[in-house]
Amino acid sequence: MDQRTSRCPGGALLLLLLCAVLRGSQPTCPSVCMCTADTLSCSGAGLSRLPRRMPASPLALDLSYNRLTWLGPGGFAGMRRLETLRVARNQLASLGPDAFADASALRRLDLSSNRLRVVESHCFRGLWRLEELVLFDNRIVRVEAAALQGLSGLQKASFSLNLIDDFPFSSVRESSHPFMTTLDLSSNRLEAPPWEEVAALPGWVQRGLFLHNNSLRCDCSMYALFRRWEAEGFDSLTDFREEHVCTPPGDNARSSIRFLKQRRFFQNCSFNTLSLPVLSQPMRVLLSHLVILEGERARLDCRTPLGGGGGGEDPSFAWLTPGRGYVDRAAASDDYNNDDLMSVWANGSLEIPAARLNDSGLYTCVASADLRRAANGTREVNLTVVRAPPADSFSTGYTTLLGCTVTTVLILMYLYLTPCRWGCCKPPGAPAADLYDPDAVYDRNAVYDPGAAVESRHVAFLTPLMEEQSGNGRLVQASEEQVPAPWCWEKTGLYETAFLDSVIKI
């Protein structure tokens, strides 16, 4: 058998097994989806259920334009890094309990253009990092009172283009949703919302409250509140002035009026009907950056025009953190003696006793004044925690790994590579002539055979004991017992033989 083509089948099996293990350890991309480093797009793939195996690394998942009818628990298992989820334009009729429990890092959730009818209290449980919730263009008729409970980081919520006739305004408070700035309830079926609860909303929520294109019933409480918003210059009124309509009572119940233009219907209204707070524009402070080493103490200030070192009335402070969610003085004081947790000081500063790598992220502070002023100031701090440099840059772990890798490669080469392809070595020939005999070395009539020269030649650096010096000064050939066995030489060319002969002459 030709030794050049012989291979050990165990080596090939080992390589195949190694490739299979490496392939199996990597996350798989569903065949109907497109995967990149941070995005998994399964849009328009005709899916009727979620793919069974999805990689855990993406930050964004797009499931729009499919035929999904239900999202149950465990559908997003392992996707702890997922921040954006789009399930728009499907056929979702309901959401199972803890449907998003495995995606607790979600910040943006789009469930628009589906068939949802009820937003239950368990739908968004555990999504305290959620910042944007989009539910427009569904068939929602009811939103349960606890549906938004626990969404302390929520900033924008859209319920437009639905069938909602009642909304739990009392569930949106400064203490529960300190960062909410937009609440869109336009194009629904609201007739007579509890205007006292609407007026009790935080000032920054009222600024972003959209109620146009509803079936509002004309009354003095409604008109007084909208007139105040108009005087404050709210964008929700100035941008949709024509779309704010109401239905007057009595004989004109079938017609609608644009009450921001047709003011004659409210000439008899008294504007002291509601106790309205004095609203002011929210104040935002520019983003600041802070970089510290792991284990160091971090203190983030909340300096806003309302407080945190700026004087004036003492506001209340709340922080939205990437690791613990909503944190205020009351929540922090419960675990004051625990050094691993955060604490909020009287001036609004947030202190982390020993920062960890996973504490990195965006920290948002809201300083709120009393309810009558309904003002707030916002400050954002981007904290980056970096690993402390090691005391000794030399890593024995990498050295050990490199040594093991090299050893493994050498062992595999020794076991599975093809051996010498020219067979066994030839037996040693007759002893060579005296190296200093000119007749033997320079025989002009001899036929030059490179192969024979190689076989009969003794090289000094290979056989250092081949020759000894005699008593009369001549060099004699060493005994055969002192000469080691010749190596298995590959036949060389003429130029290599001439080079070695020149070495011998020297």
Protein backbone atom coordinates (compact mmCIF):
# COMPACT_ATOMS: atom_id res chain seq x y z
CA MET A 1 0.00 0.00 0.00
CA ASP A 2 1.25 3.47 -0.85
CA GLN A 3 2.22 5.14 2.39
CA ARG A 4 1.72 8.60 0.91
CA THR A 5 -2.02 8.03 0.66
CA SER A 6 -2.46 6.11 3.89
CA ARG A 7 -4.23 7.99 6.65
CA CYS A 8 -5.48 6.99 10.05
CA PRO A 9 -9.34 7.04 10.05
CA GLY A 10 -9.26 8.06 13.72
CA GLY A 11 -7.75 11.42 12.80
CA ALA A 12 -10.54 12.27 10.37
CA LEU A 13 -13.12 11.14 12.91
CA LEU A 14 -11.52 13.35 15.54
CA LEU A 15 -11.62 16.39 13.25
CA LEU A 16 -15.25 15.78 12.32
CA LEU A 17 -16.21 15.41 15.96
CA LEU A 18 -14.40 18.64 16.84
CA CYS A 19 -16.17 20.54 14.04
CA ALA A 20 -19.54 19.16 15.17
CA VAL A 21 -18.95 20.24 18.76
CA LEU A 22 -17.90 23.75 17.71
CA ARG A 23 -20.88 24.05 15.38
CA GLY A 24 -23.31 22.81 18.00
CA SER A 25 -22.01 25.20 20.63
CA GLN A 26 -22.73 28.24 18.47
CA PRO A 27 -26.25 29.76 18.34
CA THR A 28 -28.19 28.87 15.24
CA CYS A 29 -30.03 31.24 12.93
CA PRO A 30 -33.48 30.06 11.78
CA SER A 31 -33.51 29.28 8.09
CA VAL A 32 -36.34 31.73 7.38
CA CYS A 33 -34.62 34.63 9.15
CA MET A 34 -31.66 36.89 8.52
CA CYS A 35 -29.10 37.21 11.29
CA THR A 36 -26.43 39.79 11.95
CA ALA A 37 -24.33 40.45 15.01
CA ASP A 38 -27.05 42.39 16.87
CA THR A 39 -30.21 41.91 14.80
CA LEU A 40 -32.46 38.96 14.01
CA SER A 41 -35.03 39.72 11.31
CA CYS A 42 -37.85 37.25 10.61
CA SER A 43 -40.14 39.82 9.02
CA GLY A 44 -42.53 38.51 6.37
CA ALA A 45 -41.47 34.89 6.85
CA GLY A 46 -45.01 33.53 7.16
CA LEU A 47 -44.47 32.33 10.73
CA SER A 48 -47.49 31.00 12.63
CA ARG A 49 -45.43 30.38 15.77
CA LEU A 50 -42.10 31.50 17.14
CA PRO A 51 -38.97 29.73 15.91
CA ARG A 52 -37.87 27.07 18.38
CA ARG A 53 -34.20 27.96 18.49
CA MET A 54 -33.12 31.56 18.25
CA PRO A 55 -29.68 32.97 19.05
CA ALA A 56 -29.39 34.70 22.40
CA SER A 57 -27.07 37.49 21.26
CA PRO A 58 -29.32 39.87 19.21
CA LEU A 59 -30.34 43.22 20.64
CA ALA A 60 -33.24 43.58 18.17
CA LEU A 61 -35.78 41.01 16.96
CA ASP A 62 -38.23 41.76 14.14
CA LEU A 63 -41.24 39.44 13.81
CA SER A 64 -43.46 41.84 11.88
CA TYR A 65 -45.72 40.81 8.98
CA ASN A 66 -46.30 37.21 10.07
CA ARG A 67 -49.28 35.12 11.23
CA LEU A 68 -48.58 34.86 14.95
CA THR A 69 -51.79 34.50 16.99
CA TRP A 70 -50.44 34.08 20.53
CA LEU A 71 -47.32 34.72 22.56
CA GLY A 72 -46.87 32.32 25.45
CA PRO A 73 -44.32 31.91 28.22
CA GLY A 74 -40.87 30.70 27.23
CA GLY A 75 -41.04 31.97 23.68
CA PHE A 76 -38.02 34.22 24.15
CA ALA A 77 -36.03 31.94 26.44
CA GLY A 78 -32.39 32.89 26.80
CA MET A 79 -32.72 36.24 25.04
CA ARG A 80 -31.56 38.27 28.02
CA ARG A 81 -29.88 40.91 25.83
CA LEU A 82 -32.95 41.66 23.72
CA GLU A 83 -33.81 45.38 23.84
CA THR A 84 -36.11 45.89 20.84
CA LEU A 85 -38.96 43.56 19.88
CA ARG A 86 -41.27 44.23 16.93
CA VAL A 87 -44.32 42.00 16.51
CA ALA A 88 -46.36 44.45 14.43
CA ARG A 89 -48.90 43.39 11.79
CA ASN A 90 -49.59 39.90 13.03
CA GLN A 91 -52.80 38.27 14.27
CA LEU A 92 -52.16 38.36 18.01
CA ALA A 93 -55.42 37.98 19.92
CA SER A 94 -53.97 37.62 23.42
CA LEU A 95 -50.75 37.54 25.39
CA GLY A 96 -50.02 34.67 27.73
CA PRO A 97 -48.88 35.09 31.34
CA ASP A 98 -45.22 36.09 31.56
CA ALA A 99 -44.90 36.12 27.78
CA PHE A 100 -41.89 38.44 28.04
CA ALA A 101 -40.41 37.11 31.28
CA ASP A 102 -37.30 35.82 29.48
CA ALA A 103 -36.75 39.19 27.79
CA SER A 104 -36.53 41.37 30.87
CA ALA A 105 -34.07 43.76 29.18
CA LEU A 106 -36.68 44.99 26.69
CA ARG A 107 -36.72 48.75 26.14
CA ARG A 108 -38.95 49.02 23.05
CA LEU A 109 -41.95 46.77 22.41
CA ASP A 110 -44.08 47.17 19.27
CA LEU A 111 -47.37 45.22 19.20
CA SER A 112 -49.19 47.50 16.76
CA SER A 113 -51.70 46.37 14.12
CA ASN A 114 -52.82 43.16 15.80
CA ARG A 115 -56.11 41.86 17.23
CA LEU A 116 -55.60 42.39 20.95
CA ARG A 117 -58.83 43.17 22.84
CA VAL A 118 -57.82 43.39 26.50
CA VAL A 119 -54.57 44.56 28.04
CA GLU A 120 -54.43 42.39 31.14
CA SER A 121 -52.39 43.00 34.27
CA HIS A 122 -49.96 40.14 33.57
CA CYS A 123 -49.09 41.12 30.00
CA PHE A 124 -45.99 43.20 30.72
CA ARG A 125 -44.95 41.81 34.06
CA GLY A 126 -41.23 42.14 34.77
CA LEU A 127 -40.50 44.71 32.04
CA TRP A 128 -39.33 47.44 34.41
CA ARG A 129 -36.73 48.54 31.83
CA LEU A 130 -39.39 49.12 29.15
CA GLU A 131 -39.27 52.68 27.78
CA GLU A 132 -41.57 52.56 24.76
CA LEU A 133 -44.81 50.58 24.42
CA VAL A 134 -46.67 50.68 21.09
CA LEU A 135 -50.20 49.21 20.97
CA PHE A 136 -51.91 51.37 18.35
CA ASP A 137 -54.26 49.92 15.70
CA ASN A 138 -55.57 46.97 17.70
CA ARG A 139 -59.07 46.14 18.93
CA ILE A 140 -58.48 47.01 22.57
CA VAL A 141 -61.66 47.82 24.49
CA ARG A 142 -60.28 47.69 28.03
CA VAL A 143 -57.01 48.35 29.82
CA GLU A 144 -56.88 46.84 33.29
CA ALA A 145 -55.87 49.07 36.18
CA ALA A 146 -52.67 47.13 36.90
CA ALA A 147 -51.65 46.71 33.25
CA LEU A 148 -48.99 49.43 33.51
CA GLN A 149 -47.99 48.58 37.05
CA GLY A 150 -44.28 47.91 37.46
CA LEU A 151 -43.32 49.73 34.25
CA SER A 152 -41.37 52.34 36.19
CA GLY A 153 -39.10 53.16 33.25
CA LEU A 154 -41.92 53.74 30.77
CA GLN A 155 -41.54 56.98 28.81
CA LYS A 156 -43.92 56.60 25.85
CA ALA A 157 -47.13 54.58 25.54
CA SER A 158 -49.36 54.58 22.47
CA PHE A 159 -52.94 53.23 22.60
CA SER A 160 -54.31 55.14 19.60
CA LEU A 161 -56.64 53.66 16.97
CA ASN A 162 -58.41 51.30 19.35
CA LEU A 163 -61.86 50.91 20.92
CA ILE A 164 -61.01 52.06 24.45
CA ASP A 165 -63.90 53.67 26.33
CA ASP A 166 -62.25 53.75 29.75
CA PHE A 167 -58.62 54.16 30.79
CA PRO A 168 -57.09 53.86 34.30
CA PHE A 169 -55.62 57.36 34.57
CA SER A 170 -55.22 56.91 38.32
CA SER A 171 -52.55 54.23 37.74
CA VAL A 172 -50.20 56.81 36.21
CA ARG A 173 -48.59 58.77 39.01
CA GLU A 174 -45.35 60.56 39.65
CA SER A 175 -44.20 57.83 42.02
CA SER A 176 -45.04 54.96 39.66
CA HIS A 177 -44.10 56.48 36.28
CA PRO A 178 -41.63 59.30 36.92
CA PHE A 179 -40.28 59.30 33.36
CA MET A 180 -43.45 59.11 31.27
CA THR A 181 -43.71 62.00 28.81
CA THR A 182 -46.13 60.67 26.15
CA LEU A 183 -49.51 58.96 26.56
CA ASP A 184 -51.39 58.69 23.28
CA LEU A 185 -55.10 57.83 23.60
CA SER A 186 -56.23 59.45 20.37
CA SER A 187 -58.79 57.91 18.01
CA ASN A 188 -60.62 55.85 20.64
CA ARG A 189 -64.13 55.89 22.14
CA LEU A 190 -63.57 57.91 25.29
CA GLU A 191 -66.74 59.83 26.15
CA ALA A 192 -66.50 61.08 29.71
CA PRO A 193 -63.09 60.38 31.23
CA PRO A 194 -62.68 61.20 34.94
CA TRP A 195 -61.37 64.72 34.40
CA GLU A 196 -60.33 65.04 38.04
CA GLU A 197 -57.96 62.10 37.57
CA VAL A 198 -56.70 63.55 34.29
CA ALA A 199 -56.00 66.88 35.98
CA ALA A 200 -54.10 65.04 38.74
CA LEU A 201 -51.64 63.55 36.27
CA PRO A 202 -48.05 64.84 36.54
CA GLY A 203 -47.52 67.98 34.53
CA TRP A 204 -45.10 66.37 32.08
CA VAL A 205 -47.64 63.59 31.41
CA GLN A 206 -50.37 66.13 30.69
CA ARG A 207 -48.07 67.82 28.19
CA GLY A 208 -47.80 64.58 26.24
CA LEU A 209 -51.42 63.44 26.60
CA PHE A 210 -53.21 63.08 23.24
CA LEU A 211 -57.03 62.87 23.35
CA HIS A 212 -58.05 64.06 19.89
CA ASN A 213 -60.47 62.11 17.66
CA ASN A 214 -62.47 60.73 20.58
CA SER A 215 -66.20 60.81 21.25
CA LEU A 216 -65.89 63.31 24.09
CA ARG A 217 -69.01 64.69 25.70
CA CYS A 218 -69.04 68.46 25.91
CA ASP A 219 -69.06 69.76 29.49
CA CYS A 220 -67.45 72.55 31.46
CA SER A 221 -64.89 70.34 33.24
CA MET A 222 -63.54 69.13 29.93
CA TYR A 223 -63.44 72.59 28.41
CA ALA A 224 -61.69 74.11 31.42
CA LEU A 225 -58.90 71.54 31.25
CA PHE A 226 -58.38 71.87 27.51
CA ARG A 227 -58.40 75.64 27.74
CA ARG A 228 -55.61 75.47 30.31
CA TRP A 229 -53.59 73.18 28.06
CA GLU A 230 -54.13 75.55 25.17
CA ALA A 231 -52.88 78.47 27.23
CA GLU A 232 -49.77 76.47 28.13
CA GLY A 233 -49.10 75.86 24.43
CA PHE A 234 -49.20 72.08 24.56
CA ASP A 235 -48.19 70.48 21.26
CA SER A 236 -51.00 67.94 21.60
CA LEU A 237 -53.48 70.79 21.10
CA THR A 238 -51.65 73.06 18.69
CA ASP A 239 -50.74 70.22 16.31
CA PHE A 240 -54.22 68.66 16.28
CA ARG A 241 -56.47 71.66 16.75
CA GLU A 242 -59.01 70.57 14.15
CA GLU A 243 -59.26 67.02 15.50
CA HIS A 244 -60.43 68.02 18.99
CA VAL A 245 -64.20 67.54 18.88
CA CYS A 246 -66.97 66.91 21.37
CA THR A 247 -70.67 66.12 21.26
CA PRO A 248 -72.97 68.69 22.92
CA PRO A 249 -75.83 67.45 25.11
CA GLY A 250 -79.50 67.76 24.27
CA ASP A 251 -80.88 68.10 20.78
CA ASN A 252 -77.48 68.47 19.16
CA ALA A 253 -76.23 65.10 20.40
CA ARG A 254 -75.79 63.80 16.87
CA SER A 255 -73.47 66.56 15.76
CA SER A 256 -69.89 67.24 16.82
CA ILE A 257 -68.23 70.59 17.30
CA ARG A 258 -64.61 71.68 17.24
CA PHE A 259 -64.69 73.07 20.75
CA LEU A 260 -61.31 74.83 20.49
CA LYS A 261 -62.81 77.06 17.78
CA GLN A 262 -66.51 77.19 18.61
CA ARG A 263 -66.31 78.68 22.07
CA ARG A 264 -69.89 79.98 22.19
CA PHE A 265 -71.12 76.63 23.48
CA PHE A 266 -69.17 77.20 26.73
CA GLN A 267 -70.08 80.79 27.51
CA ASN A 268 -71.90 79.79 30.70
CA CYS A 269 -69.06 77.64 32.06
CA SER A 270 -67.19 78.63 35.20
CA PHE A 271 -63.48 77.91 34.99
CA ASN A 272 -63.19 77.20 38.70
CA THR A 273 -64.78 73.82 38.18
CA LEU A 274 -61.45 72.01 38.48
CA SER A 275 -58.53 72.67 40.78
CA LEU A 276 -55.83 72.87 38.13
CA PRO A 277 -52.11 72.86 38.92
CA VAL A 278 -49.81 75.50 37.52
CA LEU A 279 -47.93 73.68 34.81
CA SER A 280 -44.38 74.47 33.77
CA GLN A 281 -42.06 73.25 31.06
CA PRO A 282 -39.89 70.27 32.05
CA MET A 283 -36.22 71.15 32.30
CA ARG A 284 -33.56 68.78 31.00
CA VAL A 285 -29.88 68.94 31.83
CA LEU A 286 -27.31 67.84 29.27
CA LEU A 287 -25.91 64.32 29.39
CA SER A 288 -22.70 63.87 31.36
CA HIS A 289 -20.22 60.99 31.29
CA LEU A 290 -18.43 59.29 34.15
CA VAL A 291 -15.78 56.56 33.81
CA ILE A 292 -14.55 54.71 36.90
CA LEU A 293 -12.70 51.49 37.71
CA GLU A 294 -14.39 48.37 38.95
CA GLY A 295 -14.74 48.41 42.73
CA GLU A 296 -14.54 52.18 43.09
CA ARG A 297 -17.22 54.32 44.71
CA ALA A 298 -19.48 56.16 42.24
CA ARG A 299 -21.57 59.20 43.12
CA LEU A 300 -23.91 60.62 40.48
CA ASP A 301 -25.29 64.08 41.19
CA CYS A 302 -28.74 65.28 40.19
CA ARG A 303 -28.06 68.99 39.66
CA THR A 304 -31.10 70.52 38.00
CA PRO A 305 -32.70 73.98 38.18
CA LEU A 306 -35.18 72.51 40.69
CA GLY A 307 -32.67 71.13 43.17
CA GLY A 308 -29.78 68.80 43.76
CA GLY A 309 -27.43 71.56 44.80
CA GLY A 310 -29.19 74.41 43.03
CA GLY A 311 -31.21 75.86 45.90
CA GLY A 312 -34.90 76.72 45.91
CA GLU A 313 -37.64 74.39 47.12
CA ASP A 314 -36.70 70.87 48.10
CA PRO A 315 -37.93 68.57 45.33
CA SER A 316 -38.29 64.82 45.39
CA PHE A 317 -35.81 62.70 43.49
CA ALA A 318 -36.07 59.44 41.58
CA TRP A 319 -33.51 57.56 39.51
CA LEU A 320 -33.98 55.12 36.66
CA THR A 321 -31.02 52.75 36.78
CA PRO A 322 -30.00 50.05 34.28
CA GLY A 323 -29.57 47.41 36.98
CA ARG A 324 -32.29 48.03 39.58
CA GLY A 325 -34.86 50.06 37.71
CA TYR A 326 -36.73 52.72 39.67
CA VAL A 327 -34.87 53.89 42.78
CA ASP A 328 -35.85 56.67 45.17
CA ARG A 329 -34.98 57.51 48.77
CA ALA A 330 -37.71 55.31 50.19
CA ALA A 331 -36.66 52.27 48.17
CA ALA A 332 -32.98 52.79 48.90
CA SER A 333 -33.48 53.29 52.65
CA ASP A 334 -34.99 49.82 52.99
CA ASP A 335 -31.58 48.31 52.19
CA TYR A 336 -29.41 51.10 53.55
CA ASN A 337 -27.05 48.78 55.41
CA ASN A 338 -26.31 46.66 52.36
CA ASP A 339 -23.13 47.94 50.72
CA ASP A 340 -23.94 46.18 47.45
CA LEU A 341 -27.02 48.34 46.84
CA MET A 342 -27.48 51.96 45.87
CA SER A 343 -28.47 54.87 48.08
CA VAL A 344 -30.11 58.20 47.27
CA TRP A 345 -29.04 61.20 49.35
CA ALA A 346 -31.17 64.17 50.34
CA ASN A 347 -29.74 66.31 47.53
CA GLY A 348 -30.66 63.65 44.96
CA SER A 349 -27.19 62.17 44.48
CA LEU A 350 -27.08 58.45 43.76
CA GLU A 351 -24.23 56.56 45.40
CA ILE A 352 -22.87 53.14 44.44
CA PRO A 353 -20.45 51.92 47.15
CA ALA A 354 -18.54 49.49 44.93
CA ALA A 355 -19.27 49.72 41.21
CA ARG A 356 -19.42 46.54 39.18
CA LEU A 357 -19.09 45.99 35.45
CA ASN A 358 -22.83 45.40 35.03
CA ASP A 359 -23.54 48.77 36.66
CA SER A 360 -22.56 50.48 33.40
CA GLY A 361 -25.34 52.23 31.53
CA LEU A 362 -27.55 55.31 31.40
CA TYR A 363 -28.80 56.72 34.71
CA THR A 364 -31.68 59.20 34.55
CA CYS A 365 -32.65 61.40 37.49
CA VAL A 366 -35.93 63.30 37.77
CA ALA A 367 -36.27 66.11 40.30
CA SER A 368 -39.95 66.89 40.87
CA ALA A 369 -41.40 69.89 42.68
CA ASP A 370 -44.70 69.96 44.55
CA LEU A 371 -47.92 69.02 42.83
CA ARG A 372 -49.15 72.60 42.51
CA ARG A 373 -46.14 73.51 40.39
CA ALA A 374 -46.03 70.13 38.63
CA ALA A 375 -42.55 70.89 37.39
CA ASN A 376 -39.68 68.50 36.91
CA GLY A 377 -36.04 68.63 35.94
CA THR A 378 -34.19 65.74 34.32
CA ARG A 379 -30.53 64.85 34.37
CA GLU A 380 -28.88 61.95 32.53
CA VAL A 381 -25.53 60.44 33.47
CA ASN A 382 -23.79 57.79 31.38
CA LEU A 383 -21.71 55.62 33.72
CA THR A 384 -18.97 53.36 32.36
CA VAL A 385 -17.28 50.87 34.69
CA VAL A 386 -14.04 49.42 33.32
CA ARG A 387 -12.06 46.49 34.65
CA ALA A 388 -9.07 47.42 36.77
CA PRO A 389 -5.72 46.55 35.11
CA PRO A 390 -4.00 43.49 36.63
CA ALA A 391 -0.91 43.98 38.77
CA ASP A 392 1.14 41.60 36.61
CA SER A 393 0.59 41.63 32.87
CA PHE A 394 2.07 38.11 32.53
CA SER A 395 -0.72 35.57 32.35
CA THR A 396 0.16 31.99 33.25
CA GLY A 397 -3.24 30.87 32.03
CA TYR A 398 -2.57 31.90 28.43
CA THR A 399 0.92 30.39 28.61
CA THR A 400 -0.47 27.06 29.81
CA LEU A 401 -3.13 27.10 27.11
CA LEU A 402 -0.54 27.80 24.42
CA GLY A 403 1.71 25.00 25.69
CA CYS A 404 -1.14 22.50 25.73
CA THR A 405 -2.17 23.51 22.21
CA VAL A 406 1.34 23.09 20.81
CA THR A 407 1.75 19.74 22.58
CA THR A 408 -1.55 18.48 21.19
CA VAL A 409 -0.61 19.50 17.65
CA LEU A 410 2.77 17.76 17.90
CA ILE A 411 1.17 14.56 19.23
CA LEU A 412 -1.37 14.54 16.40
CA MET A 413 1.40 15.10 13.86
CA TYR A 414 3.40 12.23 15.33
CA LEU A 415 0.43 9.86 15.30
CA TYR A 416 -1.32 10.64 12.03
CA LEU A 417 1.14 12.18 9.54
CA THR A 418 2.59 9.96 6.76
CA PRO A 419 5.97 8.39 7.72
CA CYS A 420 9.15 8.38 5.55
CA ARG A 421 7.97 7.62 2.04
CA TRP A 422 11.19 5.93 0.75
CA GLY A 423 11.09 2.89 2.99
CA CYS A 424 13.84 1.62 5.28
CA CYS A 425 17.34 3.03 5.30
CA LYS A 426 19.98 1.29 3.21
CA PRO A 427 22.69 -0.64 5.06
CA PRO A 428 26.02 1.13 5.49
CA GLY A 429 28.50 0.69 2.63
CA ALA A 430 32.24 0.09 2.64
CA PRO A 431 34.43 2.40 4.72
CA ALA A 432 35.31 5.59 2.93
CA ALA A 433 38.84 6.37 1.86
CA ASP A 434 41.14 8.62 3.79
CA LEU A 435 39.69 12.08 3.66
CA TYR A 436 43.14 13.51 2.99
CA ASP A 437 44.13 11.03 0.23
CA PRO A 438 44.22 13.19 -2.92
CA ASP A 439 44.14 10.16 -5.22
CA ALA A 440 40.91 8.94 -3.71
CA VAL A 441 39.24 12.31 -3.55
CA TYR A 442 40.36 13.73 -6.88
CA ASP A 443 40.33 10.69 -9.18
CA ARG A 444 39.91 12.22 -12.64
CA ASN A 445 38.91 8.90 -14.25
CA ALA A 446 36.26 8.03 -11.68
CA VAL A 447 32.60 8.31 -12.64
CA TYR A 448 30.84 10.74 -10.34
CA ASP A 449 27.77 9.25 -8.66
CA PRO A 450 25.99 11.70 -6.32
CA GLY A 451 24.04 8.94 -4.64
CA ALA A 452 27.15 6.89 -3.93
CA ALA A 453 28.93 9.96 -2.61
CA VAL A 454 26.15 10.56 -0.16
CA GLU A 455 26.06 6.95 1.03
CA SER A 456 29.83 6.65 1.64
CA ARG A 457 30.43 10.10 3.02
CA HIS A 458 31.03 10.87 6.74
CA VAL A 459 30.27 14.44 7.70
CA ALA A 460 32.20 16.01 10.56
CA PHE A 461 29.22 17.53 12.42
CA LEU A 462 27.27 14.26 12.18
CA THR A 463 30.08 11.86 13.20
CA PRO A 464 32.50 13.88 15.30
CA LEU A 465 34.36 10.78 16.50
CA MET A 466 34.90 9.33 13.06
CA GLU A 467 38.60 10.17 12.93
CA GLU A 468 41.45 10.28 15.45
CA GLN A 469 44.92 11.72 15.31
CA SER A 470 47.80 9.17 15.30
CA GLY A 471 51.14 9.50 16.94
CA ASN A 472 53.01 10.61 13.79
CA GLY A 473 50.57 13.50 13.17
CA ARG A 474 48.42 11.81 10.49
CA LEU A 475 44.72 11.41 10.80
CA VAL A 476 43.51 7.87 10.71
CA GLN A 477 39.97 6.56 10.38
CA ALA A 478 38.20 5.73 13.59
CA SER A 479 37.09 2.25 14.42
CA GLU A 480 33.77 0.98 13.19
CA GLU A 481 32.48 0.71 16.76
CA GLN A 482 32.71 4.48 17.16
CA VAL A 483 30.84 5.34 13.96
CA PRO A 484 27.07 5.74 14.51
CA ALA A 485 24.55 4.27 12.11
CA PRO A 486 24.05 6.42 9.01
CA TRP A 487 20.86 8.40 8.66
CA CYS A 488 18.15 7.82 6.13
CA TRP A 489 19.31 10.31 3.50
CA GLU A 490 17.17 11.67 0.74
CA LYS A 491 18.95 11.71 -2.59
CA THR A 492 20.26 15.15 -3.23
CA GLY A 493 21.38 17.00 -6.32
CA LEU A 494 24.81 17.75 -7.63
CA TYR A 495 25.04 21.21 -6.09
CA GLU A 496 24.27 19.96 -2.59
CA THR A 497 26.93 17.20 -2.89
CA ALA A 498 29.56 19.67 -4.06
CA PHE A 499 28.75 21.94 -1.12
CA LEU A 500 29.15 19.10 1.41
CA ASP A 501 32.44 17.97 -0.24
CA SER A 502 33.79 21.48 0.18
CA VAL A 503 32.90 21.30 3.87
CA ILE A 504 34.80 17.99 4.19
CA LYS A 505 37.88 19.44 2.53
CA ILE A 506 37.99 22.20 5.06
